[in-house]
C-alpha cells in the first residue's frame, strides 16, 4: 500500500526537499501551510498537481501549529503513516526579537502536534526537527550525549520540543525521533540566512546590481552540509527498527569568513572590496562553534554527508547567478531554478 506522510513546514527549504524525495519514493504527501494573502509556495510549485488529477499525490491543507484543534482534525482526516514536524520560527537572530512567538511555534507547536497524535490514536512514526543550536555553548564536537546549553530563544524552544518528543516516546510508546541537524543549506535557503545572503550578494555584485553586502560576526564556526542529503537522513530515522535520536552533520568546521571567501572567489571577486560590518546582525549571545559528530547515524542508518562547505558555497553561488541571469521582469515570469522561483533584480 502507498505510504502517506504529513509534513509541517512543507513550504520551507527542508520541507520542499523532503516532499520531493518522498514523492519520488512513491509516497502520498500532505503538507500543512499557513493561510496568507499572498502565495508562499514557490519552493514546492514544481511538485503541485491539481487534486482532481487521478495521479495527484501531493495535497496542501491550511493549518497552524498554534491551533491544536485543527491539528487533531487534520490528523484524523489524513491518517498519515509518518509525520515530519519541520515547522518553526527558525531564524536565530529573529528569535531574540520575537521570543514569545518563537516559543509558541517552535516549542509549544511540537507539543500540540504530539498531543494531536495521541488524541487521535494514530500509530504513526513521528520526526521532530531538532537543531544544533540546542548545544549552544557546549564545546565541539557535539554528539547525542553532549549537554544542551542553548544561547538563544530559538535554541531554548528547540530543547523544549526535543524533551517533549522523548517524553511522548517513553510515556506513550510513540515511535518518535529527534533529528539533531547541524547547519544545512541549499539554493532554496531563505535570503536572510547568512549563507544565502552571501551567495545572493555575490551574484548581484557580479552583475553590477549591488556593490556591498553587510554582515555581522564572520568568525563563528559552523558545520555546513547540503539540505537534500539531510532530508534523506530524516527519512532513514523513521525507517529504523527502533526509535532513537540522531545527529546529522559533516564533521567539518567552516567559518562564515571561509564560506564567504569561497563564494566570492568562485565568482572572481575580491570579498574585501565588497563586505562591510554591521553590528545589527550580531546576536546578544553568540554560539562560537558547532561541529557535529554523526558517527551514530553513519553506523546505524548508513547515512553520511558527502557535500561539504566549499562545494556547497559554489553550488549556491552558481544557482543565484543563473537565477539572476534568467530572471524576468516580474516574480510570476521568473524561471524556476532548482525548484524555487527566482526573484527579479531590484529596480
C-alpha atoms as a PDB file:
ATOM      1  CA  UNK A   1       0.000   0.000   0.000  1.00  0.00           C
ATOM      2  CA  UNK A   2       1.101   3.601  -0.648  1.00  0.00           C
ATOM      3  CA  UNK A   3       2.604   5.242   2.412  1.00  0.00           C
ATOM      4  CA  UNK A   4       1.165   8.584   3.467  1.00  0.00           C
ATOM      5  CA  UNK A   5       3.224  11.378   5.054  1.00  0.00           C
ATOM      6  CA  UNK A   6       2.256  14.695   6.646  1.00  0.00           C
ATOM      7  CA  UNK A   7       4.859  17.474   6.594  1.00  0.00           C
ATOM      8  CA  UNK A   8       4.540  20.654   8.624  1.00  0.00           C
ATOM      9  CA  UNK A   9       6.761  23.382   7.210  1.00  0.00           C
ATOM     10  CA  UNK A  10       6.419  21.897   3.711  1.00  0.00           C
ATOM     11  CA  UNK A  11       6.954  25.315   2.081  1.00  0.00           C
ATOM     12  CA  UNK A  12      10.387  25.735   3.693  1.00  0.00           C
ATOM     13  CA  UNK A  13      13.768  24.583   2.427  1.00  0.00           C
ATOM     14  CA  UNK A  14      13.730  21.197   4.154  1.00  0.00           C
ATOM     15  CA  UNK A  15      10.024  20.637   3.619  1.00  0.00           C
ATOM     16  CA  UNK A  16      10.323  21.137  -0.133  1.00  0.00           C
ATOM     17  CA  UNK A  17      13.253  18.736  -0.492  1.00  0.00           C
ATOM     18  CA  UNK A  18      11.577  16.181   1.770  1.00  0.00           C
ATOM     19  CA  UNK A  19       8.321  16.340  -0.208  1.00  0.00           C
ATOM     20  CA  UNK A  20      10.280  15.932  -3.436  1.00  0.00           C
ATOM     21  CA  UNK A  21      12.115  12.891  -2.087  1.00  0.00           C
ATOM     22  CA  UNK A  22       9.027  11.211  -0.615  1.00  0.00           C
ATOM     23  CA  UNK A  23       7.090  11.660  -3.853  1.00  0.00           C
ATOM     24  CA  UNK A  24       9.987  10.048  -5.715  1.00  0.00           C
ATOM     25  CA  UNK A  25       9.745   7.120  -3.292  1.00  0.00           C
ATOM     26  CA  UNK A  26       6.053   6.671  -4.100  1.00  0.00           C
ATOM     27  CA  UNK A  27       4.529   8.357  -1.044  1.00  0.00           C
ATOM     28  CA  UNK A  28       1.321  10.326  -0.907  1.00  0.00           C
ATOM     29  CA  UNK A  29       2.374  13.647   0.651  1.00  0.00           C
ATOM     30  CA  UNK A  30       0.230  16.049   2.652  1.00  0.00           C
ATOM     31  CA  UNK A  31       1.542  19.436   3.707  1.00  0.00           C
ATOM     32  CA  UNK A  32       0.447  21.948   6.339  1.00  0.00           C
ATOM     33  CA  UNK A  33       0.546  25.563   5.139  1.00  0.00           C
ATOM     34  CA  UNK A  34      -0.478  28.812   6.819  1.00  0.00           C
ATOM     35  CA  UNK A  35      -3.135  30.984   5.219  1.00  0.00           C
ATOM     36  CA  UNK A  36      -1.681  34.175   3.771  1.00  0.00           C
ATOM     37  CA  UNK A  37      -2.880  36.901   1.414  1.00  0.00           C
ATOM     38  CA  UNK A  38      -0.066  36.047  -0.999  1.00  0.00           C
ATOM     39  CA  UNK A  39       1.176  32.710  -2.290  1.00  0.00           C
ATOM     40  CA  UNK A  40       4.120  31.344  -0.295  1.00  0.00           C
ATOM     41  CA  UNK A  41       4.529  28.001  -2.048  1.00  0.00           C
ATOM     42  CA  UNK A  42       7.276  28.856  -4.553  1.00  0.00           C
ATOM     43  CA  UNK A  43       9.585  26.081  -3.313  1.00  0.00           C
ATOM     44  CA  UNK A  44       7.000  23.378  -3.999  1.00  0.00           C
ATOM     45  CA  UNK A  45       5.109  24.756  -7.000  1.00  0.00           C
ATOM     46  CA  UNK A  46       7.025  22.406  -9.292  1.00  0.00           C
ATOM     47  CA  UNK A  47       5.590  19.452  -7.341  1.00  0.00           C
ATOM     48  CA  UNK A  48       1.990  20.564  -7.382  1.00  0.00           C
ATOM     49  CA  UNK A  49      -0.746  18.801  -9.322  1.00  0.00           C
ATOM     50  CA  UNK A  50      -4.426  19.685  -9.294  1.00  0.00           C
ATOM     51  CA  UNK A  51      -6.043  17.475  -6.670  1.00  0.00           C
ATOM     52  CA  UNK A  52      -8.637  16.446  -9.285  1.00  0.00           C
ATOM     53  CA  UNK A  53      -5.975  14.762 -11.396  1.00  0.00           C
ATOM     54  CA  UNK A  54      -6.167  10.960 -10.971  1.00  0.00           C
ATOM     55  CA  UNK A  55      -2.413  10.668 -10.296  1.00  0.00           C
ATOM     56  CA  UNK A  56      -2.183  13.599  -7.828  1.00  0.00           C
ATOM     57  CA  UNK A  57      -0.129  12.603  -4.779  1.00  0.00           C
ATOM     58  CA  UNK A  58       0.598  15.922  -3.029  1.00  0.00           C
ATOM     59  CA  UNK A  59      -2.109  17.766  -1.126  1.00  0.00           C
ATOM     60  CA  UNK A  60      -1.882  21.004   0.853  1.00  0.00           C
ATOM     61  CA  UNK A  61      -4.011  21.840   3.894  1.00  0.00           C
ATOM     62  CA  UNK A  62      -4.436  25.116   5.742  1.00  0.00           C
ATOM     63  CA  UNK A  63      -3.477  24.999   9.391  1.00  0.00           C
ATOM     64  CA  UNK A  64      -1.084  26.288  12.016  1.00  0.00           C
ATOM     65  CA  UNK A  65       0.919  24.796  14.871  1.00  0.00           C
ATOM     66  CA  UNK A  66      -0.722  27.384  17.119  1.00  0.00           C
ATOM     67  CA  UNK A  67      -4.120  25.727  16.524  1.00  0.00           C
ATOM     68  CA  UNK A  68      -4.248  22.411  18.350  1.00  0.00           C
ATOM     69  CA  UNK A  69      -7.867  21.662  17.427  1.00  0.00           C
ATOM     70  CA  UNK A  70      -7.067  21.996  13.721  1.00  0.00           C
ATOM     71  CA  UNK A  71      -4.129  19.606  14.096  1.00  0.00           C
ATOM     72  CA  UNK A  72      -6.397  16.964  15.650  1.00  0.00           C
ATOM     73  CA  UNK A  73      -8.928  17.336  12.834  1.00  0.00           C
ATOM     74  CA  UNK A  74      -6.267  17.206  10.126  1.00  0.00           C
ATOM     75  CA  UNK A  75      -4.527  14.124  11.505  1.00  0.00           C
ATOM     76  CA  UNK A  76      -7.846  12.332  11.791  1.00  0.00           C
ATOM     77  CA  UNK A  77      -8.609  13.234   8.180  1.00  0.00           C
ATOM     78  CA  UNK A  78      -5.208  12.422   6.638  1.00  0.00           C
ATOM     79  CA  UNK A  79      -4.330   9.352   8.742  1.00  0.00           C
ATOM     80  CA  UNK A  80      -0.592   9.602   7.962  1.00  0.00           C
ATOM     81  CA  UNK A  81       1.886   6.781   8.412  1.00  0.00           C
ATOM     82  CA  UNK A  82       4.675   9.296   9.025  1.00  0.00           C
ATOM     83  CA  UNK A  83       4.607  12.833  10.457  1.00  0.00           C
ATOM     84  CA  UNK A  84       7.524  15.199   9.932  1.00  0.00           C
ATOM     85  CA  UNK A  85       7.401  18.302  12.138  1.00  0.00           C
ATOM     86  CA  UNK A  86       9.629  20.809  10.346  1.00  0.00           C
ATOM     87  CA  UNK A  87       7.599  23.959  11.037  1.00  0.00           C
ATOM     88  CA  UNK A  88       9.107  26.614  13.292  1.00  0.00           C
ATOM     89  CA  UNK A  89      10.159  30.203  13.629  1.00  0.00           C
ATOM     90  CA  UNK A  90      13.622  29.135  12.555  1.00  0.00           C
ATOM     91  CA  UNK A  91      15.693  32.312  12.378  1.00  0.00           C
ATOM     92  CA  UNK A  92      18.014  32.501  15.392  1.00  0.00           C
ATOM     93  CA  UNK A  93      18.588  36.272  15.299  1.00  0.00           C
ATOM     94  CA  UNK A  94      14.867  36.964  14.922  1.00  0.00           C
ATOM     95  CA  UNK A  95      14.136  34.774  17.956  1.00  0.00           C
ATOM     96  CA  UNK A  96      15.730  37.424  20.186  1.00  0.00           C
ATOM     97  CA  UNK A  97      13.232  39.959  18.853  1.00  0.00           C
ATOM     98  CA  UNK A  98      10.262  37.572  18.940  1.00  0.00           C
ATOM     99  CA  UNK A  99      10.959  35.209  21.860  1.00  0.00           C
ATOM    100  CA  UNK A 100       7.295  34.623  22.730  1.00  0.00           C
ATOM    101  CA  UNK A 101       6.307  33.815  19.139  1.00  0.00           C
ATOM    102  CA  UNK A 102       9.352  31.570  18.787  1.00  0.00           C
ATOM    103  CA  UNK A 103       8.448  29.662  21.946  1.00  0.00           C
ATOM    104  CA  UNK A 104       4.832  29.336  20.858  1.00  0.00           C
ATOM    105  CA  UNK A 105       5.592  27.917  17.417  1.00  0.00           C
ATOM    106  CA  UNK A 106       8.948  26.170  17.797  1.00  0.00           C
ATOM    107  CA  UNK A 107       8.362  24.798  21.294  1.00  0.00           C
ATOM    108  CA  UNK A 108       4.641  24.611  22.038  1.00  0.00           C
ATOM    109  CA  UNK A 109       3.857  23.817  18.410  1.00  0.00           C
ATOM    110  CA  UNK A 110       5.601  20.464  18.814  1.00  0.00           C
ATOM    111  CA  UNK A 111       3.584  19.828  21.983  1.00  0.00           C
ATOM    112  CA  UNK A 112       0.305  20.474  20.184  1.00  0.00           C
ATOM    113  CA  UNK A 113       1.251  18.173  17.311  1.00  0.00           C
ATOM    114  CA  UNK A 114       2.387  15.352  19.591  1.00  0.00           C
ATOM    115  CA  UNK A 115      -0.782  15.676  21.649  1.00  0.00           C
ATOM    116  CA  UNK A 116      -2.863  15.634  18.476  1.00  0.00           C
ATOM    117  CA  UNK A 117      -1.218  12.343  17.518  1.00  0.00           C
ATOM    118  CA  UNK A 118      -2.028  10.963  20.967  1.00  0.00           C
ATOM    119  CA  UNK A 119      -5.636  12.177  20.939  1.00  0.00           C
ATOM    120  CA  UNK A 120      -6.369  10.696  17.518  1.00  0.00           C
ATOM    121  CA  UNK A 121      -4.823   7.361  18.485  1.00  0.00           C
ATOM    122  CA  UNK A 122      -2.681   7.249  15.340  1.00  0.00           C
ATOM    123  CA  UNK A 123       0.026   4.593  15.109  1.00  0.00           C
ATOM    124  CA  UNK A 124       2.301   6.776  13.027  1.00  0.00           C
ATOM    125  CA  UNK A 125       6.022   7.468  13.133  1.00  0.00           C
ATOM    126  CA  UNK A 126       6.945  10.999  14.213  1.00  0.00           C
ATOM    127  CA  UNK A 127      10.002  13.068  13.311  1.00  0.00           C
ATOM    128  CA  UNK A 128      10.895  16.176  15.312  1.00  0.00           C
ATOM    129  CA  UNK A 129      13.269  18.658  13.684  1.00  0.00           C
ATOM    130  CA  UNK A 130      15.772  19.409  16.417  1.00  0.00           C
ATOM    131  CA  UNK A 131      18.750  21.705  15.956  1.00  0.00           C
ATOM    132  CA  UNK A 132      22.461  22.005  16.685  1.00  0.00           C
ATOM    133  CA  UNK A 133      21.579  25.376  18.254  1.00  0.00           C
ATOM    134  CA  UNK A 134      20.476  23.356  21.291  1.00  0.00           C
ATOM    135  CA  UNK A 135      24.164  22.698  22.055  1.00  0.00           C
ATOM    136  CA  UNK A 136      24.990  26.407  22.062  1.00  0.00           C
ATOM    137  CA  UNK A 137      27.961  26.987  24.351  1.00  0.00           C
ATOM    138  CA  UNK A 138      28.872  23.300  24.792  1.00  0.00           C
ATOM    139  CA  UNK A 139      32.304  22.784  23.184  1.00  0.00           C
ATOM    140  CA  UNK A 140      32.601  20.821  19.918  1.00  0.00           C
ATOM    141  CA  UNK A 141      32.490  18.222  18.603  1.00  0.00           C
ATOM    142  CA  UNK A 142      28.876  17.706  19.680  1.00  0.00           C
ATOM    143  CA  UNK A 143      27.028  14.393  19.540  1.00  0.00           C
ATOM    144  CA  UNK A 144      23.877  12.816  21.010  1.00  0.00           C
ATOM    145  CA  UNK A 145      25.406  12.773  24.507  1.00  0.00           C
ATOM    146  CA  UNK A 146      26.632  16.382  24.554  1.00  0.00           C
ATOM    147  CA  UNK A 147      24.832  18.534  27.180  1.00  0.00           C
ATOM    148  CA  UNK A 148      22.492  21.193  25.841  1.00  0.00           C
ATOM    149  CA  UNK A 149      23.413  24.829  26.518  1.00  0.00           C
ATOM    150  CA  UNK A 150      21.225  26.957  24.221  1.00  0.00           C
ATOM    151  CA  UNK A 151      22.213  30.569  23.646  1.00  0.00           C
ATOM    152  CA  UNK A 152      19.035  31.906  22.028  1.00  0.00           C
ATOM    153  CA  UNK A 153      15.245  31.730  22.454  1.00  0.00           C
ATOM    154  CA  UNK A 154      15.231  29.564  19.328  1.00  0.00           C
ATOM    155  CA  UNK A 155      17.709  27.102  20.819  1.00  0.00           C
ATOM    156  CA  UNK A 156      15.789  27.015  24.110  1.00  0.00           C
ATOM    157  CA  UNK A 157      12.492  26.357  22.305  1.00  0.00           C
ATOM    158  CA  UNK A 158      14.100  23.511  20.362  1.00  0.00           C
ATOM    159  CA  UNK A 159      15.358  21.973  23.622  1.00  0.00           C
ATOM    160  CA  UNK A 160      11.808  22.037  24.965  1.00  0.00           C
ATOM    161  CA  UNK A 161      10.477  20.323  21.828  1.00  0.00           C
ATOM    162  CA  UNK A 162      13.301  17.757  21.997  1.00  0.00           C
ATOM    163  CA  UNK A 163      12.442  16.693  25.540  1.00  0.00           C
ATOM    164  CA  UNK A 164       8.694  16.608  24.833  1.00  0.00           C
ATOM    165  CA  UNK A 165       9.368  14.257  21.928  1.00  0.00           C
ATOM    166  CA  UNK A 166      11.423  11.952  24.164  1.00  0.00           C
ATOM    167  CA  UNK A 167       8.742  12.152  26.845  1.00  0.00           C
ATOM    168  CA  UNK A 168       5.950  11.090  24.475  1.00  0.00           C
ATOM    169  CA  UNK A 169       8.163   8.257  23.241  1.00  0.00           C
ATOM    170  CA  UNK A 170       8.697   6.986  26.776  1.00  0.00           C
ATOM    171  CA  UNK A 171       5.270   7.777  28.248  1.00  0.00           C
ATOM    172  CA  UNK A 172       3.043   6.621  25.397  1.00  0.00           C
ATOM    173  CA  UNK A 173       5.231   4.282  23.366  1.00  0.00           C
ATOM    174  CA  UNK A 174       5.404   6.599  20.351  1.00  0.00           C
ATOM    175  CA  UNK A 175       7.793   5.874  17.530  1.00  0.00           C
ATOM    176  CA  UNK A 176       9.142   9.416  17.894  1.00  0.00           C
ATOM    177  CA  UNK A 177      12.648  10.545  16.973  1.00  0.00           C
ATOM    178  CA  UNK A 178      14.675  13.734  17.225  1.00  0.00           C
ATOM    179  CA  UNK A 179      16.870  14.607  14.269  1.00  0.00           C
ATOM    180  CA  UNK A 180      19.560  16.952  15.604  1.00  0.00           C
ATOM    181  CA  UNK A 181      20.627  18.525  12.345  1.00  0.00           C
ATOM    182  CA  UNK A 182      23.618  20.803  12.064  1.00  0.00           C
ATOM    183  CA  UNK A 183      23.507  23.677   9.586  1.00  0.00           C
ATOM    184  CA  UNK A 184      22.365  22.522   6.151  1.00  0.00           C
ATOM    185  CA  UNK A 185      21.901  24.878   3.233  1.00  0.00           C
ATOM    186  CA  UNK A 186      20.936  24.987  -0.446  1.00  0.00           C
ATOM    187  CA  UNK A 187      19.788  27.366  -3.189  1.00  0.00           C
ATOM    188  CA  UNK A 188      16.340  27.156  -1.554  1.00  0.00           C
ATOM    189  CA  UNK A 189      17.586  28.655   1.708  1.00  0.00           C
ATOM    190  CA  UNK A 190      15.816  31.849   2.784  1.00  0.00           C
ATOM    191  CA  UNK A 191      17.553  35.057   1.744  1.00  0.00           C
ATOM    192  CA  UNK A 192      18.002  36.318   5.337  1.00  0.00           C
ATOM    193  CA  UNK A 193      20.160  33.328   6.348  1.00  0.00           C
ATOM    194  CA  UNK A 194      23.842  34.159   6.118  1.00  0.00           C
ATOM    195  CA  UNK A 195      24.868  31.552   3.520  1.00  0.00           C
ATOM    196  CA  UNK A 196      22.119  32.531   1.086  1.00  0.00           C
ATOM    197  CA  UNK A 197      22.644  36.203   1.876  1.00  0.00           C
ATOM    198  CA  UNK A 198      26.261  35.766   0.800  1.00  0.00           C
ATOM    199  CA  UNK A 199      25.566  33.730  -2.345  1.00  0.00           C
ATOM    200  CA  UNK A 200      22.841  36.116  -3.478  1.00  0.00           C
ATOM    201  CA  UNK A 201      25.051  39.147  -2.787  1.00  0.00           C
ATOM    202  CA  UNK A 202      27.867  37.604  -4.828  1.00  0.00           C
ATOM    203  CA  UNK A 203      25.515  37.129  -7.787  1.00  0.00           C
ATOM    204  CA  UNK A 204      24.187  40.685  -7.572  1.00  0.00           C
ATOM    205  CA  UNK A 205      27.639  42.256  -7.146  1.00  0.00           C
ATOM    206  CA  UNK A 206      28.944  40.238 -10.094  1.00  0.00           C
ATOM    207  CA  UNK A 207      26.026  41.528 -12.181  1.00  0.00           C
ATOM    208  CA  UNK A 208      26.704  45.123 -11.145  1.00  0.00           C
ATOM    209  CA  UNK A 209      23.393  45.471  -9.286  1.00  0.00           C
ATOM    210  CA  UNK A 210      24.959  45.919  -5.838  1.00  0.00           C
ATOM    211  CA  UNK A 211      28.377  46.911  -4.588  1.00  0.00           C
ATOM    212  CA  UNK A 212      28.453  45.829  -0.920  1.00  0.00           C
ATOM    213  CA  UNK A 213      26.885  43.366   1.489  1.00  0.00           C
ATOM    214  CA  UNK A 214      26.603  43.930   5.245  1.00  0.00           C
ATOM    215  CA  UNK A 215      27.390  41.058   7.621  1.00  0.00           C
ATOM    216  CA  UNK A 216      27.839  40.548  11.354  1.00  0.00           C
ATOM    217  CA  UNK A 217      30.252  38.133  13.047  1.00  0.00           C
ATOM    218  CA  UNK A 218      32.182  36.339  10.292  1.00  0.00           C
ATOM    219  CA  UNK A 219      34.408  34.344  12.663  1.00  0.00           C
ATOM    220  CA  UNK A 220      31.769  31.964  14.028  1.00  0.00           C
ATOM    221  CA  UNK A 221      32.435  28.297  13.223  1.00  0.00           C
ATOM    222  CA  UNK A 222      29.726  26.121  11.732  1.00  0.00           C
ATOM    223  CA  UNK A 223      29.315  22.653  10.252  1.00  0.00           C
ATOM    224  CA  UNK A 224      27.574  23.254   6.918  1.00  0.00           C
ATOM    225  CA  UNK A 225      26.071  20.471   4.808  1.00  0.00           C
ATOM    226  CA  UNK A 226      23.711  20.140   1.843  1.00  0.00           C
ATOM    227  CA  UNK A 227      19.984  20.076   2.653  1.00  0.00           C
ATOM    228  CA  UNK A 228      18.900  17.351   0.149  1.00  0.00           C
ATOM    229  CA  UNK A 229      21.273  14.897   1.852  1.00  0.00           C
ATOM    230  CA  UNK A 230      19.879  15.775   5.278  1.00  0.00           C
ATOM    231  CA  UNK A 231      16.242  15.076   4.403  1.00  0.00           C
ATOM    232  CA  UNK A 232      17.363  11.599   3.343  1.00  0.00           C
ATOM    233  CA  UNK A 233      18.655  11.220   6.903  1.00  0.00           C
ATOM    234  CA  UNK A 234      15.294  12.296   8.321  1.00  0.00           C
ATOM    235  CA  UNK A 235      13.552   9.596   6.329  1.00  0.00           C
ATOM    236  CA  UNK A 236      16.056   6.941   7.349  1.00  0.00           C
ATOM    237  CA  UNK A 237      15.410   7.692  11.035  1.00  0.00           C
ATOM    238  CA  UNK A 238      11.744   6.761  10.578  1.00  0.00           C
ATOM    239  CA  UNK A 239      12.619   3.523   8.739  1.00  0.00           C
ATOM    240  CA  UNK A 240      14.735   2.180  11.623  1.00  0.00           C
ATOM    241  CA  UNK A 241      13.567  -0.772  13.702  1.00  0.00           C
ATOM    242  CA  UNK A 242      13.532   1.264  16.932  1.00  0.00           C
ATOM    243  CA  UNK A 243      13.063   4.997  17.584  1.00  0.00           C
ATOM    244  CA  UNK A 244      16.136   6.938  18.672  1.00  0.00           C
ATOM    245  CA  UNK A 245      17.744  10.382  18.364  1.00  0.00           C
ATOM    246  CA  UNK A 246      20.469  11.154  15.835  1.00  0.00           C
ATOM    247  CA  UNK A 247      22.916  13.919  14.976  1.00  0.00           C
ATOM    248  CA  UNK A 248      23.346  14.677  11.254  1.00  0.00           C
ATOM    249  CA  UNK A 249      26.467  16.656  10.358  1.00  0.00           C
ATOM    250  CA  UNK A 250      29.515  16.664   8.101  1.00  0.00           C
ATOM    251  CA  UNK A 251      32.028  16.745  10.967  1.00  0.00           C
ATOM    252  CA  UNK A 252      33.939  19.562   9.255  1.00  0.00           C
ATOM    253  CA  UNK A 253      34.342  23.120  10.510  1.00  0.00           C
ATOM    254  CA  UNK A 254      33.984  26.277   8.441  1.00  0.00           C
ATOM    255  CA  UNK A 255      33.813  29.913   9.500  1.00  0.00           C
ATOM    256  CA  UNK A 256      31.454  32.397   7.912  1.00  0.00           C
ATOM    257  CA  UNK A 257      34.626  34.059   6.622  1.00  0.00           C
ATOM    258  CA  UNK A 258      35.745  30.829   4.912  1.00  0.00           C
ATOM    259  CA  UNK A 259      32.348  30.330   3.271  1.00  0.00           C
ATOM    260  CA  UNK A 260      32.313  33.955   2.157  1.00  0.00           C
ATOM    261  CA  UNK A 261      35.824  33.821   0.654  1.00  0.00           C
ATOM    262  CA  UNK A 262      34.981  30.661  -1.303  1.00  0.00           C
ATOM    263  CA  UNK A 263      31.766  32.233  -2.598  1.00  0.00           C
ATOM    264  CA  UNK A 264      33.404  35.469  -3.750  1.00  0.00           C
ATOM    265  CA  UNK A 265      36.435  33.739  -5.266  1.00  0.00           C
ATOM    266  CA  UNK A 266      34.190  31.351  -7.189  1.00  0.00           C
ATOM    267  CA  UNK A 267      32.692  34.393  -8.946  1.00  0.00           C
ATOM    268  CA  UNK A 268      36.093  36.024  -9.499  1.00  0.00           C
ATOM    269  CA  UNK A 269      35.526  38.745  -6.893  1.00  0.00           C
ATOM    270  CA  UNK A 270      37.647  40.171  -4.049  1.00  0.00           C
ATOM    271  CA  UNK A 271      35.482  39.949  -0.939  1.00  0.00           C
ATOM    272  CA  UNK A 272      37.405  42.667   0.917  1.00  0.00           C
ATOM    273  CA  UNK A 273      36.170  45.230  -1.598  1.00  0.00           C
ATOM    274  CA  UNK A 274      32.525  44.370  -1.051  1.00  0.00           C
ATOM    275  CA  UNK A 275      31.915  43.198   2.549  1.00  0.00           C
ATOM    276  CA  UNK A 276      31.039  45.619   5.345  1.00  0.00           C
ATOM    277  CA  UNK A 277      30.394  45.026   9.047  1.00  0.00           C
ATOM    278  CA  UNK A 278      27.059  45.935  10.644  1.00  0.00           C
ATOM    279  CA  UNK A 279      26.591  45.356  14.368  1.00  0.00           C
ATOM    280  CA  UNK A 280      22.804  44.952  13.986  1.00  0.00           C
ATOM    281  CA  UNK A 281      23.478  41.416  12.753  1.00  0.00           C
ATOM    282  CA  UNK A 282      25.263  40.408  15.968  1.00  0.00           C
ATOM    283  CA  UNK A 283      23.365  38.204  18.425  1.00  0.00           C
ATOM    284  CA  UNK A 284      23.066  39.231  22.106  1.00  0.00           C
ATOM    285  CA  UNK A 285      24.649  35.868  22.956  1.00  0.00           C
ATOM    286  CA  UNK A 286      26.749  34.165  20.304  1.00  0.00           C
ATOM    287  CA  UNK A 287      27.350  30.491  19.592  1.00  0.00           C
ATOM    288  CA  UNK A 288      31.041  30.320  18.766  1.00  0.00           C
ATOM    289  CA  UNK A 289      31.451  26.817  17.337  1.00  0.00           C
ATOM    290  CA  UNK A 290      29.160  23.987  16.225  1.00  0.00           C
ATOM    291  CA  UNK A 291      30.785  20.884  14.743  1.00  0.00           C
ATOM    292  CA  UNK A 292      28.804  17.663  14.713  1.00  0.00           C
ATOM    293  CA  UNK A 293      29.742  14.027  15.212  1.00  0.00           C
ATOM    294  CA  UNK A 294      27.348  11.931  13.104  1.00  0.00           C
ATOM    295  CA  UNK A 295      29.066   8.584  13.702  1.00  0.00           C
ATOM    296  CA  UNK A 296      25.904   7.121  15.274  1.00  0.00           C
ATOM    297  CA  UNK A 297      23.830   7.937  12.169  1.00  0.00           C
ATOM    298  CA  UNK A 298      26.573   6.534   9.948  1.00  0.00           C
ATOM    299  CA  UNK A 299      26.818   3.303  11.921  1.00  0.00           C
ATOM    300  CA  UNK A 300      23.113   2.631  12.441  1.00  0.00           C
ATOM    301  CA  UNK A 301      21.433   4.316   9.479  1.00  0.00           C
ATOM    302  CA  UNK A 302      24.172   4.185   6.866  1.00  0.00           C
ATOM    303  CA  UNK A 303      23.917   7.964   6.443  1.00  0.00           C
ATOM    304  CA  UNK A 304      26.954  10.113   5.635  1.00  0.00           C
ATOM    305  CA  UNK A 305      27.270  13.651   4.282  1.00  0.00           C
ATOM    306  CA  UNK A 306      29.223  13.977   1.033  1.00  0.00           C
ATOM    307  CA  UNK A 307      28.832  17.692   0.211  1.00  0.00           C
ATOM    308  CA  UNK A 308      30.932  19.989   2.402  1.00  0.00           C
ATOM    309  CA  UNK A 309      31.033  23.759   2.838  1.00  0.00           C
ATOM    310  CA  UNK A 310      33.324  24.712  -0.050  1.00  0.00           C
ATOM    311  CA  UNK A 311      31.317  22.742  -2.614  1.00  0.00           C
ATOM    312  CA  UNK A 312      28.097  23.985  -1.050  1.00  0.00           C
ATOM    313  CA  UNK A 313      29.197  27.611  -1.465  1.00  0.00           C
ATOM    314  CA  UNK A 314      29.886  27.021  -5.149  1.00  0.00           C
ATOM    315  CA  UNK A 315      26.524  25.288  -5.663  1.00  0.00           C
ATOM    316  CA  UNK A 316      24.668  28.200  -4.094  1.00  0.00           C
ATOM    317  CA  UNK A 317      26.590  30.897  -5.960  1.00  0.00           C
ATOM    318  CA  UNK A 318      26.065  29.148  -9.301  1.00  0.00           C
ATOM    319  CA  UNK A 319      22.329  28.855  -8.622  1.00  0.00           C
ATOM    320  CA  UNK A 320      21.971  32.531  -7.700  1.00  0.00           C
ATOM    321  CA  UNK A 321      23.983  33.652 -10.718  1.00  0.00           C
ATOM    322  CA  UNK A 322      21.834  31.524 -13.014  1.00  0.00           C
ATOM    323  CA  UNK A 323      18.629  32.768 -11.376  1.00  0.00           C
ATOM    324  CA  UNK A 324      19.679  36.382 -11.820  1.00  0.00           C
ATOM    325  CA  UNK A 325      20.706  35.899 -15.429  1.00  0.00           C
ATOM    326  CA  UNK A 326      17.374  34.346 -16.340  1.00  0.00           C
ATOM    327  CA  UNK A 327      15.032  36.345 -14.093  1.00  0.00           C
ATOM    328  CA  UNK A 328      12.158  38.021 -15.907  1.00  0.00           C
ATOM    329  CA  UNK A 329      10.565  41.376 -15.286  1.00  0.00           C
ATOM    330  CA  UNK A 330       8.235  40.041 -12.617  1.00  0.00           C
ATOM    331  CA  UNK A 331       8.132  37.337  -9.956  1.00  0.00           C
ATOM    332  CA  UNK A 332       5.454  35.450 -11.885  1.00  0.00           C
ATOM    333  CA  UNK A 333       7.537  35.399 -15.065  1.00  0.00           C
ATOM    334  CA  UNK A 334      10.765  34.399 -13.302  1.00  0.00           C
ATOM    335  CA  UNK A 335      12.141  30.931 -14.149  1.00  0.00           C
ATOM    336  CA  UNK A 336      12.463  28.069 -11.720  1.00  0.00           C
ATOM    337  CA  UNK A 337      15.957  27.191 -10.569  1.00  0.00           C
ATOM    338  CA  UNK A 338      16.370  24.014  -8.524  1.00  0.00           C
ATOM    339  CA  UNK A 339      12.682  24.057  -7.692  1.00  0.00           C
ATOM    340  CA  UNK A 340      12.323  27.640  -6.490  1.00  0.00           C
ATOM    341  CA  UNK A 341      11.282  30.793  -8.324  1.00  0.00           C
ATOM    342  CA  UNK A 342      13.977  33.397  -8.697  1.00  0.00           C
ATOM    343  CA  UNK A 343      13.132  36.915  -7.633  1.00  0.00           C
ATOM    344  CA  UNK A 344      13.864  39.574 -10.241  1.00  0.00           C
ATOM    345  CA  UNK A 345      16.603  42.085  -9.621  1.00  0.00           C
ATOM    346  CA  UNK A 346      15.606  45.168  -7.654  1.00  0.00           C
ATOM    347  CA  UNK A 347      14.996  48.192  -9.862  1.00  0.00           C
END
